Amino acid sequence: MQKFARLFKNESGATAIEYGLIAALIAVAIIGAVGALGSSTSGQFNNIANAIADPASAT
């Protein structure tokens, strides 16, 4: 019976799970931010590449 009582009082596994959930949420936020900024950054790089390839058309 005492083993079960100690098992329920031990919270080290719960803490590890909480840290894992926090890390997963941070990863999801970073992936979302990179995805949102990726397309606009890609457009800027394309504009720069076009300006380098044809400097006469650059404004």
C-alpha atoms as a PDB file:
ATOM      1  CA  MET A   1       0.000   0.000   0.000  1.00  0.00           C
ATOM      2  CA  GLN A   2       2.869   2.349   0.756  1.00  0.00           C
ATOM      3  CA  LYS A   3       4.306   1.749  -2.712  1.00  0.00           C
ATOM      4  CA  PHE A   4       1.093   3.029  -4.271  1.00  0.00           C
ATOM      5  CA  ALA A   5       1.106   6.077  -2.008  1.00  0.00           C
ATOM      6  CA  ARG A   6       4.687   6.907  -3.039  1.00  0.00           C
ATOM      7  CA  LEU A   7       3.825   6.343  -6.678  1.00  0.00           C
ATOM      8  CA  PHE A   8       1.016   8.904  -6.554  1.00  0.00           C
ATOM      9  CA  LYS A   9       3.162  11.423  -4.665  1.00  0.00           C
ATOM     10  CA  ASN A  10       6.001  11.211  -7.191  1.00  0.00           C
ATOM     11  CA  GLU A  11       5.541  14.104  -9.626  1.00  0.00           C
ATOM     12  CA  SER A  12       8.833  13.955 -11.525  1.00  0.00           C
ATOM     13  CA  GLY A  13       7.173  12.292 -14.526  1.00  0.00           C
ATOM     14  CA  ALA A  14       4.455  14.937 -14.620  1.00  0.00           C
ATOM     15  CA  THR A  15       7.087  17.679 -14.638  1.00  0.00           C
ATOM     16  CA  ALA A  16       8.876  16.050 -17.568  1.00  0.00           C
ATOM     17  CA  ILE A  17       5.605  15.829 -19.485  1.00  0.00           C
ATOM     18  CA  GLU A  18       4.894  19.504 -18.803  1.00  0.00           C
ATOM     19  CA  TYR A  19       8.329  20.486 -20.128  1.00  0.00           C
ATOM     20  CA  GLY A  20       7.720  18.337 -23.181  1.00  0.00           C
ATOM     21  CA  LEU A  21       4.395  20.047 -23.847  1.00  0.00           C
ATOM     22  CA  ILE A  22       5.971  23.487 -23.479  1.00  0.00           C
ATOM     23  CA  ALA A  23       8.747  22.534 -25.908  1.00  0.00           C
ATOM     24  CA  ALA A  24       6.168  21.228 -28.390  1.00  0.00           C
ATOM     25  CA  LEU A  25       4.160  24.459 -28.197  1.00  0.00           C
ATOM     26  CA  ILE A  26       7.289  26.534 -28.769  1.00  0.00           C
ATOM     27  CA  ALA A  27       8.181  24.363 -31.768  1.00  0.00           C
ATOM     28  CA  VAL A  28       4.702  24.826 -33.246  1.00  0.00           C
ATOM     29  CA  ALA A  29       4.978  28.601 -32.797  1.00  0.00           C
ATOM     30  CA  ILE A  30       8.382  28.685 -34.495  1.00  0.00           C
ATOM     31  CA  ILE A  31       7.161  26.551 -37.398  1.00  0.00           C
ATOM     32  CA  GLY A  32       4.159  28.838 -37.845  1.00  0.00           C
ATOM     33  CA  ALA A  33       6.301  31.976 -37.788  1.00  0.00           C
ATOM     34  CA  VAL A  34       8.794  30.571 -40.280  1.00  0.00           C
ATOM     35  CA  GLY A  35       5.972  29.486 -42.557  1.00  0.00           C
ATOM     36  CA  ALA A  36       4.348  32.912 -42.442  1.00  0.00           C
ATOM     37  CA  LEU A  37       7.595  34.763 -43.081  1.00  0.00           C
ATOM     38  CA  GLY A  38       8.884  32.279 -45.636  1.00  0.00           C
ATOM     39  CA  SER A  39       6.686  33.346 -48.519  1.00  0.00           C
ATOM     40  CA  SER A  40       7.341  37.072 -48.087  1.00  0.00           C
ATOM     41  CA  THR A  41      11.069  36.444 -47.725  1.00  0.00           C
ATOM     42  CA  SER A  42      11.032  34.293 -50.834  1.00  0.00           C
ATOM     43  CA  GLY A  43       9.377  37.114 -52.765  1.00  0.00           C
ATOM     44  CA  GLN A  44      12.049  39.570 -51.632  1.00  0.00           C
ATOM     45  CA  PHE A  45      14.843  37.212 -52.688  1.00  0.00           C
ATOM     46  CA  ASN A  46      13.193  36.769 -56.091  1.00  0.00           C
ATOM     47  CA  ASN A  47      13.041  40.543 -56.531  1.00  0.00           C
ATOM     48  CA  ILE A  48      16.732  40.837 -55.639  1.00  0.00           C
ATOM     49  CA  ALA A  49      17.671  38.004 -57.988  1.00  0.00           C
ATOM     50  CA  ASN A  50      15.740  39.629 -60.837  1.00  0.00           C
ATOM     51  CA  ALA A  51      17.415  42.980 -60.161  1.00  0.00           C
ATOM     52  CA  ILE A  52      20.856  41.346 -60.241  1.00  0.00           C
ATOM     53  CA  ALA A  53      20.075  39.429 -63.430  1.00  0.00           C
ATOM     54  CA  ASP A  54      18.768  42.523 -65.257  1.00  0.00           C
ATOM     55  CA  PRO A  55      20.059  45.740 -63.664  1.00  0.00           C
ATOM     56  CA  ALA A  56      18.480  47.920 -66.360  1.00  0.00           C
ATOM     57  CA  SER A  57      14.971  46.943 -65.224  1.00  0.00           C
ATOM     58  CA  ALA A  58      15.651  47.625 -61.536  1.00  0.00           C
ATOM     59  CA  THR A  59      13.939  50.722 -60.151  1.00  0.00           C
END
